[in-house]
Amino acid sequence: MDAPDQARTAVNGLTPLVHATAASQLGDATPCQKWAVRDLLNHLVGGGHMFAICLNGGTVDMSADPGDLLGDD
């Protein structure tokens, strides 16, 4: 599977899950004790950003803290 197919597969699988997540659930626990739902979604969004940067020939500073990528929406 090439990179664009991997991206489409990930987006198609994750989009319904993200859309089904209510704002009231963002503080809920996940199986990883250190992460709440909001942390997990931030991780997924950040991974998508990094994937896109690298796919376009850029580099990612892995030491940088991207902060909250979800905002209020």
C-alpha atoms as a PDB file:
ATOM      1  CA  MET A   1       0.000   0.000   0.000  1.00  0.00           C
ATOM      2  CA  ASP A   2       1.498   3.360  -0.979  1.00  0.00           C
ATOM      3  CA  ALA A   3       1.442   6.465   1.207  1.00  0.00           C
ATOM      4  CA  PRO A   4      -1.701   8.051  -0.301  1.00  0.00           C
ATOM      5  CA  ASP A   5      -3.589   4.768   0.132  1.00  0.00           C
ATOM      6  CA  GLN A   6      -2.388   4.540   3.734  1.00  0.00           C
ATOM      7  CA  ALA A   7      -3.609   8.068   4.385  1.00  0.00           C
ATOM      8  CA  ARG A   8      -7.018   7.371   2.811  1.00  0.00           C
ATOM      9  CA  THR A   9      -7.389   4.166   4.822  1.00  0.00           C
ATOM     10  CA  ALA A  10      -6.558   5.943   8.070  1.00  0.00           C
ATOM     11  CA  VAL A  11      -8.867   8.879   7.352  1.00  0.00           C
ATOM     12  CA  ASN A  12     -11.739   6.625   6.278  1.00  0.00           C
ATOM     13  CA  GLY A  13     -11.409   4.504   9.409  1.00  0.00           C
ATOM     14  CA  LEU A  14     -10.904   7.316  11.904  1.00  0.00           C
ATOM     15  CA  THR A  15     -13.340   9.944  10.605  1.00  0.00           C
ATOM     16  CA  PRO A  16     -16.514   8.194  11.803  1.00  0.00           C
ATOM     17  CA  LEU A  17     -14.945   7.602  15.220  1.00  0.00           C
ATOM     18  CA  VAL A  18     -13.914  11.229  15.614  1.00  0.00           C
ATOM     19  CA  HIS A  19     -17.299  12.495  14.438  1.00  0.00           C
ATOM     20  CA  ALA A  20     -19.024  10.217  16.960  1.00  0.00           C
ATOM     21  CA  THR A  21     -16.978  11.672  19.831  1.00  0.00           C
ATOM     22  CA  ALA A  22     -18.911  14.292  21.784  1.00  0.00           C
ATOM     23  CA  ALA A  23     -17.138  17.250  23.356  1.00  0.00           C
ATOM     24  CA  SER A  24     -18.312  15.938  26.725  1.00  0.00           C
ATOM     25  CA  GLN A  25     -16.192  12.792  26.146  1.00  0.00           C
ATOM     26  CA  LEU A  26     -12.863  14.586  25.619  1.00  0.00           C
ATOM     27  CA  GLY A  27     -11.929  14.239  29.284  1.00  0.00           C
ATOM     28  CA  ASP A  28     -12.797  10.537  29.424  1.00  0.00           C
ATOM     29  CA  ALA A  29     -10.106   7.973  30.119  1.00  0.00           C
ATOM     30  CA  THR A  30      -8.566   5.747  27.458  1.00  0.00           C
ATOM     31  CA  PRO A  31      -6.903   2.351  27.955  1.00  0.00           C
ATOM     32  CA  CYS A  32      -3.625   4.304  28.311  1.00  0.00           C
ATOM     33  CA  GLN A  33      -3.733   5.720  31.838  1.00  0.00           C
ATOM     34  CA  LYS A  34      -1.709   8.795  30.857  1.00  0.00           C
ATOM     35  CA  TRP A  35      -4.068   9.872  28.056  1.00  0.00           C
ATOM     36  CA  ALA A  36      -7.621  11.143  27.963  1.00  0.00           C
ATOM     37  CA  VAL A  37      -9.688  11.079  24.757  1.00  0.00           C
ATOM     38  CA  ARG A  38      -8.552  14.652  23.980  1.00  0.00           C
ATOM     39  CA  ASP A  39      -4.892  13.575  24.224  1.00  0.00           C
ATOM     40  CA  LEU A  40      -5.524  10.676  21.850  1.00  0.00           C
ATOM     41  CA  LEU A  41      -7.284  12.892  19.304  1.00  0.00           C
ATOM     42  CA  ASN A  42      -4.456  15.447  19.540  1.00  0.00           C
ATOM     43  CA  HIS A  43      -2.011  12.630  18.858  1.00  0.00           C
ATOM     44  CA  LEU A  44      -3.961  11.531  15.782  1.00  0.00           C
ATOM     45  CA  VAL A  45      -4.226  15.074  14.433  1.00  0.00           C
ATOM     46  CA  GLY A  46      -0.525  15.689  15.075  1.00  0.00           C
ATOM     47  CA  GLY A  47       0.354  12.450  13.319  1.00  0.00           C
ATOM     48  CA  GLY A  48      -1.703  13.532  10.331  1.00  0.00           C
ATOM     49  CA  HIS A  49       0.135  16.858  10.221  1.00  0.00           C
ATOM     50  CA  MET A  50       3.514  15.104  10.404  1.00  0.00           C
ATOM     51  CA  PHE A  51       2.512  12.606   7.714  1.00  0.00           C
ATOM     52  CA  ALA A  52       1.460  15.433   5.381  1.00  0.00           C
ATOM     53  CA  ILE A  53       4.647  17.412   6.010  1.00  0.00           C
ATOM     54  CA  CYS A  54       6.841  14.400   5.278  1.00  0.00           C
ATOM     55  CA  LEU A  55       4.751  13.373   2.264  1.00  0.00           C
ATOM     56  CA  ASN A  56       5.453  16.821   0.823  1.00  0.00           C
ATOM     57  CA  GLY A  57       9.207  16.485   1.372  1.00  0.00           C
ATOM     58  CA  GLY A  58       9.408  18.479   4.598  1.00  0.00           C
ATOM     59  CA  THR A  59      10.968  17.545   7.902  1.00  0.00           C
ATOM     60  CA  VAL A  60       9.393  17.424  11.329  1.00  0.00           C
ATOM     61  CA  ASP A  61      11.019  18.738  14.501  1.00  0.00           C
ATOM     62  CA  MET A  62      10.220  15.867  16.859  1.00  0.00           C
ATOM     63  CA  SER A  63      11.405  17.901  19.863  1.00  0.00           C
ATOM     64  CA  ALA A  64       8.769  20.612  19.316  1.00  0.00           C
ATOM     65  CA  ASP A  65       5.574  20.483  21.361  1.00  0.00           C
ATOM     66  CA  PRO A  66       2.678  21.106  18.967  1.00  0.00           C
ATOM     67  CA  GLY A  67       0.361  22.011  21.838  1.00  0.00           C
ATOM     68  CA  ASP A  68      -3.398  21.627  21.555  1.00  0.00           C
ATOM     69  CA  LEU A  69      -4.316  20.991  17.928  1.00  0.00           C
ATOM     70  CA  LEU A  70      -8.037  20.554  18.562  1.00  0.00           C
ATOM     71  CA  GLY A  71      -9.011  23.994  19.776  1.00  0.00           C
ATOM     72  CA  ASP A  72     -12.589  24.545  20.909  1.00  0.00           C
ATOM     73  CA  ASP A  73     -14.213  22.794  17.956  1.00  0.00           C
END
